[in-house]
Amino acid sequence: MQVIVHHIGPACVQCNQTKRLMDQLGIEYDQIDLRQHPELTEKFKNLGHLTAPIVTAGEHIWSGFKYEQIKSLAARLRLERK
């Protein structure tokens, strides 16, 4: 499953917390800076995601720092590896 953290740069506290927790849990992810992709920002706004980061993981999508979502994602990825 491809995991992408769509962020808004190094000053984004919730973005940094999300990436830090993913790193601690061993979740591999790609990063996209939304400042360089206004079309994605508009797409996510239309879907109701107004807070960075916006995380896409397969069919799952959420916005903001979501501790439980990240922990759940780590568990799903561990199961996929078995």
PDB file of N, CA and C in Angstrom:
ATOM      1  N   MET A   1       0.843  -1.173   0.000  1.00  0.00           N
ATOM      2  CA  MET A   1       0.000   0.000   0.000  1.00  0.00           C
ATOM      3  C   MET A   1       0.889   1.236   0.000  1.00  0.00           C
ATOM      4  N   GLN A   2       0.618   2.150  -0.892  1.00  0.00           N
ATOM      5  CA  GLN A   2       1.394   3.385  -0.932  1.00  0.00           C
ATOM      6  C   GLN A   2       0.805   4.379   0.068  1.00  0.00           C
ATOM      7  N   VAL A   3       1.668   4.935   0.874  1.00  0.00           N
ATOM      8  CA  VAL A   3       1.286   5.935   1.861  1.00  0.00           C
ATOM      9  C   VAL A   3       1.926   7.253   1.446  1.00  0.00           C
ATOM     10  N   ILE A   4       1.105   8.308   1.395  1.00  0.00           N
ATOM     11  CA  ILE A   4       1.614   9.628   1.020  1.00  0.00           C
ATOM     12  C   ILE A   4       1.186  10.631   2.074  1.00  0.00           C
ATOM     13  N   VAL A   5       2.148  11.420   2.532  1.00  0.00           N
ATOM     14  CA  VAL A   5       1.868  12.524   3.447  1.00  0.00           C
ATOM     15  C   VAL A   5       1.946  13.801   2.620  1.00  0.00           C
ATOM     16  N   HIS A   6       0.792  14.421   2.422  1.00  0.00           N
ATOM     17  CA  HIS A   6       0.713  15.697   1.707  1.00  0.00           C
ATOM     18  C   HIS A   6       0.855  16.781   2.767  1.00  0.00           C
ATOM     19  N   HIS A   7       1.917  17.564   2.697  1.00  0.00           N
ATOM     20  CA  HIS A   7       2.219  18.524   3.756  1.00  0.00           C
ATOM     21  C   HIS A   7       2.321  19.926   3.190  1.00  0.00           C
ATOM     22  N   ILE A   8       2.522  20.894   4.099  1.00  0.00           N
ATOM     23  CA  ILE A   8       2.628  22.293   3.670  1.00  0.00           C
ATOM     24  C   ILE A   8       3.938  22.917   4.133  1.00  0.00           C
ATOM     25  N   GLY A   9       4.966  22.119   4.229  1.00  0.00           N
ATOM     26  CA  GLY A   9       6.292  22.651   4.538  1.00  0.00           C
ATOM     27  C   GLY A   9       6.759  22.373   5.946  1.00  0.00           C
ATOM     28  N   PRO A  10       8.002  22.777   6.230  1.00  0.00           N
ATOM     29  CA  PRO A  10       8.644  22.437   7.500  1.00  0.00           C
ATOM     30  C   PRO A  10       8.038  23.129   8.724  1.00  0.00           C
ATOM     31  N   ALA A  11       7.271  24.184   8.562  1.00  0.00           N
ATOM     32  CA  ALA A  11       6.693  24.898   9.705  1.00  0.00           C
ATOM     33  C   ALA A  11       5.373  24.273  10.171  1.00  0.00           C
ATOM     34  N   CYS A  12       4.908  23.247   9.502  1.00  0.00           N
ATOM     35  CA  CYS A  12       3.627  22.616   9.839  1.00  0.00           C
ATOM     36  C   CYS A  12       3.822  21.627  10.995  1.00  0.00           C
ATOM     37  N   VAL A  13       3.347  21.993  12.171  1.00  0.00           N
ATOM     38  CA  VAL A  13       3.529  21.177  13.364  1.00  0.00           C
ATOM     39  C   VAL A  13       2.841  19.819  13.217  1.00  0.00           C
ATOM     40  N   GLN A  14       1.595  19.806  12.765  1.00  0.00           N
ATOM     41  CA  GLN A  14       0.879  18.536  12.628  1.00  0.00           C
ATOM     42  C   GLN A  14       1.511  17.645  11.566  1.00  0.00           C
ATOM     43  N   CYS A  15       2.039  18.249  10.522  1.00  0.00           N
ATOM     44  CA  CYS A  15       2.739  17.482   9.481  1.00  0.00           C
ATOM     45  C   CYS A  15       3.966  16.805  10.080  1.00  0.00           C
ATOM     46  N   ASN A  16       4.738  17.577  10.848  1.00  0.00           N
ATOM     47  CA  ASN A  16       5.952  17.034  11.459  1.00  0.00           C
ATOM     48  C   ASN A  16       5.626  15.941  12.467  1.00  0.00           C
ATOM     49  N   GLN A  17       4.580  16.120  13.261  1.00  0.00           N
ATOM     50  CA  GLN A  17       4.179  15.089  14.227  1.00  0.00           C
ATOM     51  C   GLN A  17       3.777  13.807  13.502  1.00  0.00           C
ATOM     52  N   THR A  18       3.040  13.954  12.421  1.00  0.00           N
ATOM     53  CA  THR A  18       2.601  12.787  11.645  1.00  0.00           C
ATOM     54  C   THR A  18       3.798  12.021  11.110  1.00  0.00           C
ATOM     55  N   LYS A  19       4.723  12.724  10.490  1.00  0.00           N
ATOM     56  CA  LYS A  19       5.901  12.062   9.915  1.00  0.00           C
ATOM     57  C   LYS A  19       6.775  11.445  11.004  1.00  0.00           C
ATOM     58  N   ARG A  20       6.911  12.130  12.126  1.00  0.00           N
ATOM     59  CA  ARG A  20       7.723  11.599  13.232  1.00  0.00           C
ATOM     60  C   ARG A  20       7.138  10.291  13.757  1.00  0.00           C
ATOM     61  N   LEU A  21       5.820  10.254  13.971  1.00  0.00           N
ATOM     62  CA  LEU A  21       5.192   9.034  14.470  1.00  0.00           C
ATOM     63  C   LEU A  21       5.292   7.915  13.440  1.00  0.00           C
ATOM     64  N   MET A  22       5.091   8.235  12.176  1.00  0.00           N
ATOM     65  CA  MET A  22       5.230   7.217  11.131  1.00  0.00           C
ATOM     66  C   MET A  22       6.645   6.666  11.106  1.00  0.00           C
ATOM     67  N   ASP A  23       7.625   7.529  11.258  1.00  0.00           N
ATOM     68  CA  ASP A  23       9.017   7.073  11.306  1.00  0.00           C
ATOM     69  C   ASP A  23       9.232   6.132  12.496  1.00  0.00           C
ATOM     70  N   GLN A  24       8.720   6.505  13.656  1.00  0.00           N
ATOM     71  CA  GLN A  24       8.864   5.677  14.858  1.00  0.00           C
ATOM     72  C   GLN A  24       8.209   4.316  14.692  1.00  0.00           C
ATOM     73  N   LEU A  25       7.089   4.269  13.962  1.00  0.00           N
ATOM     74  CA  LEU A  25       6.353   3.015  13.791  1.00  0.00           C
ATOM     75  C   LEU A  25       6.814   2.229  12.565  1.00  0.00           C
ATOM     76  N   GLY A  26       7.790   2.745  11.846  1.00  0.00           N
ATOM     77  CA  GLY A  26       8.333   2.038  10.686  1.00  0.00           C
ATOM     78  C   GLY A  26       7.454   2.096   9.451  1.00  0.00           C
ATOM     79  N   ILE A  27       6.612   3.113   9.359  1.00  0.00           N
ATOM     80  CA  ILE A  27       5.753   3.269   8.180  1.00  0.00           C
ATOM     81  C   ILE A  27       6.547   4.007   7.108  1.00  0.00           C
ATOM     82  N   GLU A  28       6.670   3.383   5.960  1.00  0.00           N
ATOM     83  CA  GLU A  28       7.334   4.029   4.835  1.00  0.00           C
ATOM     84  C   GLU A  28       6.310   4.885   4.109  1.00  0.00           C
ATOM     85  N   TYR A  29       6.705   6.094   3.731  1.00  0.00           N
ATOM     86  CA  TYR A  29       5.774   7.001   3.088  1.00  0.00           C
ATOM     87  C   TYR A  29       6.519   7.916   2.124  1.00  0.00           C
ATOM     88  N   ASP A  30       5.776   8.419   1.156  1.00  0.00           N
ATOM     89  CA  ASP A  30       6.271   9.454   0.257  1.00  0.00           C
ATOM     90  C   ASP A  30       5.717  10.783   0.748  1.00  0.00           C
ATOM     91  N   GLN A  31       6.334  11.858   0.319  1.00  0.00           N
ATOM     92  CA  GLN A  31       5.889  13.189   0.711  1.00  0.00           C
ATOM     93  C   GLN A  31       5.595  14.028  -0.519  1.00  0.00           C
ATOM     94  N   ILE A  32       4.525  14.814  -0.421  1.00  0.00           N
ATOM     95  CA  ILE A  32       4.201  15.782  -1.468  1.00  0.00           C
ATOM     96  C   ILE A  32       3.937  17.113  -0.778  1.00  0.00           C
ATOM     97  N   ASP A  33       4.623  18.135  -1.227  1.00  0.00           N
ATOM     98  CA  ASP A  33       4.437  19.485  -0.688  1.00  0.00           C
ATOM     99  C   ASP A  33       3.266  20.125  -1.425  1.00  0.00           C
ATOM    100  N   LEU A  34       2.185  20.353  -0.704  1.00  0.00           N
ATOM    101  CA  LEU A  34       0.981  20.900  -1.321  1.00  0.00           C
ATOM    102  C   LEU A  34       1.191  22.311  -1.864  1.00  0.00           C
ATOM    103  N   ARG A  35       2.182  23.025  -1.357  1.00  0.00           N
ATOM    104  CA  ARG A  35       2.449  24.375  -1.869  1.00  0.00           C
ATOM    105  C   ARG A  35       2.875  24.334  -3.332  1.00  0.00           C
ATOM    106  N   GLN A  36       3.423  23.187  -3.752  1.00  0.00           N
ATOM    107  CA  GLN A  36       3.873  23.038  -5.133  1.00  0.00           C
ATOM    108  C   GLN A  36       2.819  22.373  -6.017  1.00  0.00           C
ATOM    109  N   HIS A  37       1.677  21.995  -5.413  1.00  0.00           N
ATOM    110  CA  HIS A  37       0.623  21.292  -6.152  1.00  0.00           C
ATOM    111  C   HIS A  37      -0.750  21.855  -5.797  1.00  0.00           C
ATOM    112  N   PRO A  38      -1.058  23.064  -6.276  1.00  0.00           N
ATOM    113  CA  PRO A  38      -2.345  23.678  -5.939  1.00  0.00           C
ATOM    114  C   PRO A  38      -3.546  22.857  -6.416  1.00  0.00           C
ATOM    115  N   GLU A  39      -3.365  22.063  -7.462  1.00  0.00           N
ATOM    116  CA  GLU A  39      -4.468  21.232  -7.951  1.00  0.00           C
ATOM    117  C   GLU A  39      -4.839  20.165  -6.918  1.00  0.00           C
ATOM    118  N   LEU A  40      -3.853  19.637  -6.202  1.00  0.00           N
ATOM    119  CA  LEU A  40      -4.146  18.668  -5.147  1.00  0.00           C
ATOM    120  C   LEU A  40      -4.814  19.342  -3.959  1.00  0.00           C
ATOM    121  N   THR A  41      -4.351  20.543  -3.629  1.00  0.00           N
ATOM    122  CA  THR A  41      -4.969  21.292  -2.530  1.00  0.00           C
ATOM    123  C   THR A  41      -6.444  21.494  -2.817  1.00  0.00           C
ATOM    124  N   GLU A  42      -6.774  21.878  -4.028  1.00  0.00           N
ATOM    125  CA  GLU A  42      -8.165  22.104  -4.413  1.00  0.00           C
ATOM    126  C   GLU A  42      -8.962  20.796  -4.364  1.00  0.00           C
ATOM    127  N   LYS A  43      -8.370  19.727  -4.849  1.00  0.00           N
ATOM    128  CA  LYS A  43      -9.033  18.422  -4.817  1.00  0.00           C
ATOM    129  C   LYS A  43      -9.371  18.017  -3.382  1.00  0.00           C
ATOM    130  N   PHE A  44      -8.401  18.147  -2.483  1.00  0.00           N
ATOM    131  CA  PHE A  44      -8.635  17.767  -1.090  1.00  0.00           C
ATOM    132  C   PHE A  44      -9.662  18.682  -0.420  1.00  0.00           C
ATOM    133  N   LYS A  45      -9.623  19.973  -0.731  1.00  0.00           N
ATOM    134  CA  LYS A  45     -10.624  20.899  -0.183  1.00  0.00           C
ATOM    135  C   LYS A  45     -12.024  20.473  -0.610  1.00  0.00           C
ATOM    136  N   ASN A  46     -12.165  20.086  -1.872  1.00  0.00           N
ATOM    137  CA  ASN A  46     -13.462  19.645  -2.375  1.00  0.00           C
ATOM    138  C   ASN A  46     -13.947  18.377  -1.684  1.00  0.00           C
ATOM    139  N   LEU A  47     -13.009  17.579  -1.174  1.00  0.00           N
ATOM    140  CA  LEU A  47     -13.362  16.360  -0.441  1.00  0.00           C
ATOM    141  C   LEU A  47     -13.574  16.633   1.052  1.00  0.00           C
ATOM    142  N   GLY A  48     -13.388  17.891   1.465  1.00  0.00           N
ATOM    143  CA  GLY A  48     -13.618  18.262   2.856  1.00  0.00           C
ATOM    144  C   GLY A  48     -12.386  18.211   3.745  1.00  0.00           C
ATOM    145  N   HIS A  49     -11.226  18.035   3.169  1.00  0.00           N
ATOM    146  CA  HIS A  49      -9.986  17.979   3.947  1.00  0.00           C
ATOM    147  C   HIS A  49      -9.329  19.354   3.914  1.00  0.00           C
ATOM    148  N   LEU A  50      -9.439  20.064   5.037  1.00  0.00           N
ATOM    149  CA  LEU A  50      -8.988  21.446   5.090  1.00  0.00           C
ATOM    150  C   LEU A  50      -7.756  21.648   5.959  1.00  0.00           C
ATOM    151  N   THR A  51      -7.278  20.599   6.620  1.00  0.00           N
ATOM    152  CA  THR A  51      -6.154  20.701   7.544  1.00  0.00           C
ATOM    153  C   THR A  51      -5.020  19.799   7.081  1.00  0.00           C
ATOM    154  N   ALA A  52      -3.818  20.355   7.056  1.00  0.00           N
ATOM    155  CA  ALA A  52      -2.648  19.542   6.721  1.00  0.00           C
ATOM    156  C   ALA A  52      -2.144  18.863   7.991  1.00  0.00           C
ATOM    157  N   PRO A  53      -1.497  17.733   7.840  1.00  0.00           N
ATOM    158  CA  PRO A  53      -1.249  17.031   6.598  1.00  0.00           C
ATOM    159  C   PRO A  53      -2.495  16.274   6.152  1.00  0.00           C
ATOM    160  N   ILE A  54      -2.482  15.904   4.905  1.00  0.00           N
ATOM    161  CA  ILE A  54      -3.505  15.010   4.382  1.00  0.00           C
ATOM    162  C   ILE A  54      -2.770  13.721   4.034  1.00  0.00           C
ATOM    163  N   VAL A  55      -3.214  12.642   4.652  1.00  0.00           N
ATOM    164  CA  VAL A  55      -2.560  11.347   4.465  1.00  0.00           C
ATOM    165  C   VAL A  55      -3.448  10.469   3.600  1.00  0.00           C
ATOM    166  N   THR A  56      -2.859   9.900   2.565  1.00  0.00           N
ATOM    167  CA  THR A  56      -3.560   8.904   1.764  1.00  0.00           C
ATOM    168  C   THR A  56      -2.818   7.585   1.926  1.00  0.00           C
ATOM    169  N   ALA A  57      -3.591   6.552   2.198  1.00  0.00           N
ATOM    170  CA  ALA A  57      -3.029   5.212   2.387  1.00  0.00           C
ATOM    171  C   ALA A  57      -4.009   4.227   1.771  1.00  0.00           C
ATOM    172  N   GLY A  58      -3.767   3.892   0.509  1.00  0.00           N
ATOM    173  CA  GLY A  58      -4.727   3.037  -0.181  1.00  0.00           C
ATOM    174  C   GLY A  58      -6.068   3.755  -0.278  1.00  0.00           C
ATOM    175  N   GLU A  59      -7.114   3.111   0.208  1.00  0.00           N
ATOM    176  CA  GLU A  59      -8.458   3.690   0.188  1.00  0.00           C
ATOM    177  C   GLU A  59      -8.698   4.650   1.345  1.00  0.00           C
ATOM    178  N   HIS A  60      -7.795   4.693   2.297  1.00  0.00           N
ATOM    179  CA  HIS A  60      -7.965   5.515   3.495  1.00  0.00           C
ATOM    180  C   HIS A  60      -7.389   6.912   3.262  1.00  0.00           C
ATOM    181  N   ILE A  61      -8.088   7.903   3.784  1.00  0.00           N
ATOM    182  CA  ILE A  61      -7.621   9.279   3.690  1.00  0.00           C
ATOM    183  C   ILE A  61      -8.071  10.020   4.942  1.00  0.00           C
ATOM    184  N   TRP A  62      -7.162  10.829   5.492  1.00  0.00           N
ATOM    185  CA  TRP A  62      -7.540  11.672   6.624  1.00  0.00           C
ATOM    186  C   TRP A  62      -6.686  12.927   6.604  1.00  0.00           C
ATOM    187  N   SER A  63      -7.121  13.912   7.361  1.00  0.00           N
ATOM    188  CA  SER A  63      -6.380  15.166   7.445  1.00  0.00           C
ATOM    189  C   SER A  63      -6.105  15.500   8.908  1.00  0.00           C
ATOM    190  N   GLY A  64      -4.989  16.189   9.120  1.00  0.00           N
ATOM    191  CA  GLY A  64      -4.563  16.538  10.464  1.00  0.00           C
ATOM    192  C   GLY A  64      -3.767  15.406  11.098  1.00  0.00           C
ATOM    193  N   PHE A  65      -3.220  15.684  12.280  1.00  0.00           N
ATOM    194  CA  PHE A  65      -2.484  14.664  13.022  1.00  0.00           C
ATOM    195  C   PHE A  65      -3.495  13.765  13.717  1.00  0.00           C
ATOM    196  N   LYS A  66      -3.507  12.486  13.335  1.00  0.00           N
ATOM    197  CA  LYS A  66      -4.464  11.514  13.868  1.00  0.00           C
ATOM    198  C   LYS A  66      -3.692  10.317  14.429  1.00  0.00           C
ATOM    199  N   TYR A  67      -3.384  10.386  15.706  1.00  0.00           N
ATOM    200  CA  TYR A  67      -2.585   9.358  16.367  1.00  0.00           C
ATOM    201  C   TYR A  67      -3.171   7.966  16.152  1.00  0.00           C
ATOM    202  N   GLU A  68      -4.454   7.800  16.421  1.00  0.00           N
ATOM    203  CA  GLU A  68      -5.082   6.475  16.309  1.00  0.00           C
ATOM    204  C   GLU A  68      -5.097   5.972  14.868  1.00  0.00           C
ATOM    205  N   GLN A  69      -5.316   6.862  13.911  1.00  0.00           N
ATOM    206  CA  GLN A  69      -5.296   6.466  12.498  1.00  0.00           C
ATOM    207  C   GLN A  69      -3.906   5.950  12.097  1.00  0.00           C
ATOM    208  N   ILE A  70      -2.885   6.634  12.590  1.00  0.00           N
ATOM    209  CA  ILE A  70      -1.513   6.239  12.247  1.00  0.00           C
ATOM    210  C   ILE A  70      -1.181   4.891  12.884  1.00  0.00           C
ATOM    211  N   LYS A  71      -1.570   4.701  14.142  1.00  0.00           N
ATOM    212  CA  LYS A  71      -1.341   3.414  14.811  1.00  0.00           C
ATOM    213  C   LYS A  71      -2.078   2.292  14.082  1.00  0.00           C
ATOM    214  N   SER A  72      -3.311   2.552  13.666  1.00  0.00           N
ATOM    215  CA  SER A  72      -4.100   1.565  12.933  1.00  0.00           C
ATOM    216  C   SER A  72      -3.437   1.237  11.592  1.00  0.00           C
ATOM    217  N   LEU A  73      -2.938   2.251  10.916  1.00  0.00           N
ATOM    218  CA  LEU A  73      -2.240   2.044   9.651  1.00  0.00           C
ATOM    219  C   LEU A  73      -1.014   1.161   9.855  1.00  0.00           C
ATOM    220  N   ALA A  74      -0.246   1.413  10.903  1.00  0.00           N
ATOM    221  CA  ALA A  74       0.942   0.603  11.191  1.00  0.00           C
ATOM    222  C   ALA A  74       0.548  -0.853  11.397  1.00  0.00           C
ATOM    223  N   ALA A  75      -0.544  -1.098  12.107  1.00  0.00           N
ATOM    224  CA  ALA A  75      -1.010  -2.470  12.344  1.00  0.00           C
ATOM    225  C   ALA A  75      -1.422  -3.132  11.027  1.00  0.00           C
ATOM    226  N   ARG A  76      -2.142  -2.403  10.170  1.00  0.00           N
ATOM    227  CA  ARG A  76      -2.553  -2.958   8.869  1.00  0.00           C
ATOM    228  C   ARG A  76      -1.343  -3.311   8.015  1.00  0.00           C
ATOM    229  N   LEU A  77      -0.352  -2.430   8.020  1.00  0.00           N
ATOM    230  CA  LEU A  77       0.843  -2.675   7.211  1.00  0.00           C
ATOM    231  C   LEU A  77       1.622  -3.883   7.738  1.00  0.00           C
ATOM    232  N   ARG A  78       1.664  -4.066   9.053  1.00  0.00           N
ATOM    233  CA  ARG A  78       2.339  -5.251   9.617  1.00  0.00           C
ATOM    234  C   ARG A  78       1.641  -6.524   9.152  1.00  0.00           C
ATOM    235  N   LEU A  79       0.306  -6.504   9.130  1.00  0.00           N
ATOM    236  CA  LEU A  79      -0.439  -7.672   8.675  1.00  0.00           C
ATOM    237  C   LEU A  79      -0.191  -7.961   7.202  1.00  0.00           C
ATOM    238  N   GLU A  80      -0.093  -6.923   6.410  1.00  0.00           N
ATOM    239  CA  GLU A  80       0.160  -7.105   4.969  1.00  0.00           C
ATOM    240  C   GLU A  80       1.521  -7.739   4.716  1.00  0.00           C
ATOM    241  N   ARG A  81       2.477  -7.459   5.571  1.00  0.00           N
ATOM    242  CA  ARG A  81       3.846  -7.985   5.380  1.00  0.00           C
ATOM    243  C   ARG A  81       3.964  -9.461   5.694  1.00  0.00           C
ATOM    244  N   LYS A  82       3.014  -9.992   6.440  1.00  0.00           N
ATOM    245  CA  LYS A  82       3.085 -11.412   6.849  1.00  0.00           C
ATOM    246  C   LYS A  82       2.784 -12.335   5.705  1.00  0.00           C
TER     247      LYS A  82
END
